[in-house]
C-alpha atoms as a PDB file:
ATOM      1  CA  MET A   1      20.201 -22.915 -56.243  1.00  0.00           C
ATOM      2  CA  ASP A   2      21.024 -20.296 -54.410  1.00  0.00           C
ATOM      3  CA  ILE A   3      19.643 -22.216 -51.253  1.00  0.00           C
ATOM      4  CA  LEU A   4      22.164 -25.293 -51.692  1.00  0.00           C
ATOM      5  CA  ASN A   5      24.931 -22.798 -51.286  1.00  0.00           C
ATOM      6  CA  GLU A   6      23.249 -21.009 -48.720  1.00  0.00           C
ATOM      7  CA  ALA A   7      22.880 -24.378 -46.747  1.00  0.00           C
ATOM      8  CA  LEU A   8      26.521 -25.741 -47.193  1.00  0.00           C
ATOM      9  CA  ALA A   9      27.549 -22.499 -45.903  1.00  0.00           C
ATOM     10  CA  PHE A  10      25.782 -22.974 -43.293  1.00  0.00           C
ATOM     11  CA  GLU A  11      27.070 -26.298 -42.597  1.00  0.00           C
ATOM     12  CA  GLN A  12      30.564 -24.937 -42.343  1.00  0.00           C
ATOM     13  CA  ALA A  13      30.132 -22.406 -40.642  1.00  0.00           C
ATOM     14  CA  LYS A  14      31.283 -22.897 -36.966  1.00  0.00           C
ATOM     15  CA  MET A  15      29.315 -23.385 -34.013  1.00  0.00           C
ATOM     16  CA  LYS A  16      31.220 -23.354 -31.138  1.00  0.00           C
ATOM     17  CA  ASN A  17      31.171 -20.738 -28.157  1.00  0.00           C
ATOM     18  CA  MET A  18      28.002 -19.561 -29.430  1.00  0.00           C
ATOM     19  CA  SER A  19      25.588 -17.295 -26.720  1.00  0.00           C
ATOM     20  CA  THR A  20      22.112 -18.334 -26.319  1.00  0.00           C
ATOM     21  CA  SER A  21      20.769 -16.293 -28.794  1.00  0.00           C
ATOM     22  CA  ASP A  22      23.415 -17.132 -31.703  1.00  0.00           C
ATOM     23  CA  ARG A  23      21.586 -20.648 -31.107  1.00  0.00           C
ATOM     24  CA  VAL A  24      18.337 -19.659 -31.532  1.00  0.00           C
ATOM     25  CA  VAL A  25      19.148 -17.764 -34.735  1.00  0.00           C
ATOM     26  CA  ALA A  26      21.230 -20.638 -35.878  1.00  0.00           C
ATOM     27  CA  SER A  27      18.419 -22.829 -35.118  1.00  0.00           C
ATOM     28  CA  ARG A  28      15.627 -21.096 -37.293  1.00  0.00           C
ATOM     29  CA  GLU A  29      18.250 -20.424 -40.028  1.00  0.00           C
ATOM     30  CA  ALA A  30      18.726 -24.086 -39.841  1.00  0.00           C
ATOM     31  CA  LYS A  31      15.011 -25.128 -39.768  1.00  0.00           C
ATOM     32  CA  ARG A  32      14.263 -22.364 -42.825  1.00  0.00           C
ATOM     33  CA  LEU A  33      17.039 -24.052 -44.597  1.00  0.00           C
ATOM     34  CA  ILE A  34      15.759 -27.174 -44.473  1.00  0.00           C
ATOM     35  CA  LEU A  35      12.474 -26.260 -45.163  1.00  0.00           C
ATOM     36  CA  ALA A  36      13.156 -24.797 -48.449  1.00  0.00           C
ATOM     37  CA  LEU A  37      15.288 -27.629 -49.156  1.00  0.00           C
ATOM     38  CA  ASN A  38      12.425 -30.121 -48.564  1.00  0.00           C
ATOM     39  CA  GLU A  39      10.438 -27.811 -50.973  1.00  0.00           C
ATOM     40  CA  ILE A  40      12.984 -28.524 -53.706  1.00  0.00           C
ATOM     41  CA  TYR A  41      13.064 -32.234 -53.305  1.00  0.00           C
ATOM     42  CA  LYS A  42       9.188 -32.432 -53.524  1.00  0.00           C
ATOM     43  CA  LYS A  43       9.214 -30.610 -57.014  1.00  0.00           C
ATOM     44  CA  ASN A  44      11.948 -33.337 -57.912  1.00  0.00           C
ATOM     45  CA  LYS A  45       9.926 -36.161 -56.539  1.00  0.00           C
ATOM     46  CA  ARG A  46       7.166 -35.548 -59.034  1.00  0.00           C
ATOM     47  CA  LEU A  47       9.099 -35.211 -62.148  1.00  0.00           C
END
């Protein structure tokens, strides 16, 4: 469950004093993590 560790690390990352480009990168990373976690949820829901 590497994606879970990535999500936890992202959640604990400091988000203050970010530049615009940093916010864009963080937003894209958040979207990637959310979609990956959603796929895991959908697979486990079927079981």
